[in-house]
Amino acid sequence: MAIEELEREFDMAMLNIYKRAYDEAGYNAARFLQMLRENRGLETARILLHASNVSDGYTALWERGRLDLTVEALIIDEKWHPLFSKQELEIARRRLKEYHYIF
């Protein structure tokens, strides 16, 4: 699969976790949606990963027991690994482990 196609699929997957967070966890991630509109999925994921702390949305989903709907949980799926550096994948894994997410 071409990288461009994988990026388009990732955009859709990021939008899907926004919709699922709203529908399944009652969390309206308005800022996340705005970031997706401004930066698309890949750049939004990188912005969030490189932040010094987890986002408010990450914390809100953790409080709801839905870390499965976080960007970090999405990108640890092997399908998306070609889009991220080893360092970025490690950041995602570390954050999930720190919050006791089992994957």
Protein backbone atom coordinates (compact mmCIF):
# COMPACT_ATOMS: atom_id res chain seq x y z
CA MET A 1 0.00 0.00 0.00
CA ALA A 2 1.28 3.43 -0.92
CA ILE A 3 2.11 5.74 1.96
CA GLU A 4 -0.36 8.36 0.65
CA GLU A 5 -3.17 5.81 0.75
CA LEU A 6 -2.17 4.73 4.26
CA GLU A 7 -2.23 8.37 5.36
CA ARG A 8 -5.76 8.79 3.96
CA GLU A 9 -6.88 5.68 5.81
CA PHE A 10 -5.25 7.01 8.97
CA ASP A 11 -7.20 10.27 8.57
CA MET A 12 -10.40 8.23 8.51
CA ALA A 13 -9.32 6.15 11.51
CA MET A 14 -8.60 9.32 13.49
CA LEU A 15 -12.03 10.71 12.61
CA ASN A 16 -13.54 7.38 13.61
CA ILE A 17 -12.03 7.51 17.12
CA TYR A 18 -13.48 11.02 17.48
CA LYS A 19 -16.94 9.73 16.52
CA ARG A 20 -16.64 6.66 18.74
CA ALA A 21 -15.52 8.75 21.73
CA TYR A 22 -18.64 10.86 21.27
CA ASP A 23 -21.04 7.96 20.65
CA GLU A 24 -19.64 5.36 23.02
CA ALA A 25 -18.04 7.39 25.81
CA GLY A 26 -20.07 10.59 25.74
CA TYR A 27 -16.93 12.63 25.13
CA ASN A 28 -17.06 15.53 22.69
CA ALA A 29 -13.45 16.06 21.66
CA ALA A 30 -14.10 19.38 19.93
CA ARG A 31 -10.46 20.51 20.07
CA PHE A 32 -9.34 17.18 18.59
CA LEU A 33 -11.81 17.56 15.73
CA GLN A 34 -10.54 21.08 15.11
CA MET A 35 -6.97 19.77 15.01
CA LEU A 36 -8.00 17.10 12.50
CA ARG A 37 -9.59 19.73 10.27
CA GLU A 38 -6.53 21.98 10.46
CA ASN A 39 -3.75 19.37 10.30
CA ARG A 40 -5.27 16.08 9.16
CA GLY A 41 -4.71 12.87 11.08
CA LEU A 42 -0.99 12.22 10.87
CA GLU A 43 0.14 15.71 11.89
CA THR A 44 -2.46 15.80 14.67
CA ALA A 45 -1.14 12.51 16.02
CA ARG A 46 2.42 13.81 15.93
CA ILE A 47 1.48 17.06 17.69
CA LEU A 48 -0.21 15.10 20.46
CA LEU A 49 2.62 12.58 20.76
CA HIS A 50 5.30 15.24 21.02
CA ALA A 51 3.47 17.26 23.68
CA SER A 52 5.16 17.15 27.07
CA ASN A 53 2.00 15.84 28.74
CA VAL A 54 -0.98 13.78 27.72
CA SER A 55 -3.87 15.79 26.32
CA ASP A 56 -7.04 16.67 28.20
CA GLY A 57 -8.82 14.30 25.85
CA TYR A 58 -6.51 11.44 26.80
CA THR A 59 -7.25 12.11 30.47
CA ALA A 60 -10.99 12.34 29.82
CA LEU A 61 -10.98 9.01 27.99
CA TRP A 62 -8.88 7.43 30.76
CA GLU A 63 -11.46 8.62 33.31
CA ARG A 64 -14.15 6.93 31.22
CA GLY A 65 -12.15 3.70 30.95
CA ARG A 66 -11.76 4.16 27.19
CA LEU A 67 -8.07 4.46 26.45
CA ASP A 68 -8.84 2.27 23.45
CA LEU A 69 -10.18 5.44 21.82
CA THR A 70 -6.96 7.43 22.19
CA VAL A 71 -4.54 8.34 19.43
CA GLU A 72 -1.88 6.36 21.28
CA ALA A 73 -3.97 3.19 21.22
CA LEU A 74 -4.73 3.71 17.54
CA ILE A 75 -1.14 4.07 16.42
CA ILE A 76 0.20 1.01 18.21
CA ASP A 77 -1.75 -1.06 15.68
CA GLU A 78 0.93 -2.45 13.34
CA LYS A 79 -0.99 -1.22 10.31
CA TRP A 80 0.02 2.36 11.14
CA HIS A 81 3.66 1.72 12.08
CA PRO A 82 5.03 2.81 8.67
CA LEU A 83 3.71 6.32 9.39
CA PHE A 84 5.57 6.78 12.68
CA SER A 85 9.14 6.72 13.93
CA LYS A 86 10.27 4.16 16.49
CA GLN A 87 10.48 7.00 19.00
CA GLU A 88 6.87 8.04 18.36
CA LEU A 89 5.65 4.47 18.72
CA GLU A 90 7.57 4.15 21.98
CA ILE A 91 6.00 7.35 23.33
CA ALA A 92 2.55 5.90 22.60
CA ARG A 93 3.37 2.56 24.24
CA ARG A 94 4.90 4.23 27.29
CA ARG A 95 1.88 6.49 27.84
CA LEU A 96 -0.51 3.58 27.58
CA LYS A 97 1.55 1.50 30.00
CA GLU A 98 1.72 4.38 32.48
CA TYR A 99 -2.08 4.45 32.51
CA HIS A 100 -2.29 0.64 32.81
CA TYR A 101 -3.75 0.04 29.36
CA ILE A 102 -3.39 -3.61 28.35
CA PHE A 103 -2.51 -4.19 24.71
